[in-house]
């Protein structure tokens, strides 16, 4: 069983330049994780190309199982990236499902 973890974030700022910088920082942070978290099988991060979309950044990642997802969530590198993300977002939506 593979678990797909999908998270979308809406940034809190309305300033276009600040929003672009924050989205890029989220993308950089998340893309730094695969080499240091062995349970992370694949990761893709997208930044919205359409101003005004409901969400600004999306993460799609895969894990072998729920234990792998838990290990990822608790990993210190992820905890650090997640702290930054929480500091700049206004809304979050997530779903985890089997593929």
Protein backbone atom coordinates (compact mmCIF):
# COMPACT_ATOMS: atom_id res chain seq x y z
CA UNK A 1 0.00 0.00 0.00
CA UNK A 2 1.27 3.48 -0.86
CA UNK A 3 0.03 6.52 1.05
CA UNK A 4 -0.26 9.75 -0.90
CA UNK A 5 -0.08 12.89 1.25
CA UNK A 6 -1.50 16.03 -0.38
CA UNK A 7 -1.41 19.42 1.34
CA UNK A 8 -2.43 22.83 0.01
CA UNK A 9 -1.66 26.16 1.64
CA UNK A 10 -3.10 29.64 1.24
CA UNK A 11 -0.60 32.30 2.25
CA UNK A 12 -1.74 34.92 4.73
CA UNK A 13 -0.25 37.93 2.94
CA UNK A 14 -1.99 39.78 0.13
CA UNK A 15 1.19 41.46 -1.11
CA UNK A 16 2.14 39.90 -4.45
CA UNK A 17 5.91 40.20 -4.03
CA UNK A 18 5.89 38.90 -0.46
CA UNK A 19 3.53 36.07 -1.48
CA UNK A 20 5.89 34.99 -4.29
CA UNK A 21 8.90 35.05 -1.94
CA UNK A 22 7.10 33.04 0.73
CA UNK A 23 5.83 30.48 -1.78
CA UNK A 24 9.35 30.07 -3.16
CA UNK A 25 10.73 29.58 0.37
CA UNK A 26 8.11 26.92 1.11
CA UNK A 27 9.01 25.15 -2.13
CA UNK A 28 12.75 25.28 -1.36
CA UNK A 29 12.22 24.01 2.16
CA UNK A 30 10.03 21.10 1.15
CA UNK A 31 12.28 20.13 -1.76
CA UNK A 32 15.23 19.91 0.64
CA UNK A 33 13.60 17.03 2.53
CA UNK A 34 13.91 13.93 0.29
CA UNK A 35 17.67 13.47 0.79
CA UNK A 36 17.34 13.56 4.59
CA UNK A 37 14.07 11.67 5.20
CA UNK A 38 14.40 8.10 3.89
CA UNK A 39 10.68 7.31 4.29
CA UNK A 40 9.81 9.98 1.71
CA UNK A 41 9.44 8.06 -1.58
CA UNK A 42 8.51 10.98 -3.83
CA UNK A 43 7.76 14.65 -3.44
CA UNK A 44 6.44 17.31 -5.78
CA UNK A 45 5.75 20.93 -4.85
CA UNK A 46 3.78 23.31 -7.03
CA UNK A 47 3.28 27.05 -6.75
CA UNK A 48 0.11 28.40 -8.32
CA UNK A 49 0.67 29.99 -11.71
CA UNK A 50 -2.72 31.73 -11.59
CA UNK A 51 -3.08 34.76 -9.30
CA UNK A 52 -6.18 34.48 -7.17
CA UNK A 53 -6.32 30.67 -7.05
CA UNK A 54 -7.89 29.32 -3.88
CA UNK A 55 -4.51 28.00 -2.70
CA UNK A 56 -0.96 29.18 -3.36
CA UNK A 57 1.22 26.09 -2.82
CA UNK A 58 0.57 22.35 -3.05
CA UNK A 59 2.61 19.38 -1.85
CA UNK A 60 2.14 15.86 -3.21
CA UNK A 61 4.24 13.19 -1.54
CA UNK A 62 4.25 9.40 -1.30
CA UNK A 63 5.13 6.99 1.49
CA UNK A 64 5.20 3.20 1.69
CA UNK A 65 2.75 3.19 4.59
CA UNK A 66 1.28 5.23 7.43
CA UNK A 67 4.35 4.59 9.59
CA UNK A 68 6.48 6.24 6.90
CA UNK A 69 4.16 9.25 6.84
CA UNK A 70 4.36 9.52 10.65
CA UNK A 71 8.16 9.32 10.54
CA UNK A 72 8.19 12.14 7.97
CA UNK A 73 5.87 14.35 10.03
CA UNK A 74 8.01 13.84 13.16
CA UNK A 75 11.42 14.18 11.46
CA UNK A 76 13.35 17.24 12.74
CA UNK A 77 13.99 18.53 9.20
CA UNK A 78 10.27 18.43 8.42
CA UNK A 79 9.41 20.01 11.78
CA UNK A 80 11.69 22.95 10.91
CA UNK A 81 10.16 23.46 7.45
CA UNK A 82 6.65 23.08 8.85
CA UNK A 83 7.32 25.77 11.46
CA UNK A 84 8.15 28.27 8.71
CA UNK A 85 5.09 27.25 6.72
CA UNK A 86 2.80 27.72 9.72
CA UNK A 87 4.27 31.18 10.26
CA UNK A 88 3.17 32.44 6.82
CA UNK A 89 -0.04 30.60 5.94
CA UNK A 90 -3.62 31.56 6.56
CA UNK A 91 -5.29 28.29 5.56
CA UNK A 92 -4.35 24.65 5.04
CA UNK A 93 -6.14 21.66 3.52
CA UNK A 94 -4.79 18.10 3.56
CA UNK A 95 -5.77 14.58 2.59
CA UNK A 96 -3.95 11.26 2.90
CA UNK A 97 -5.15 8.33 0.80
CA UNK A 98 -4.10 4.94 -0.54
CA UNK A 99 -2.92 4.60 -4.13
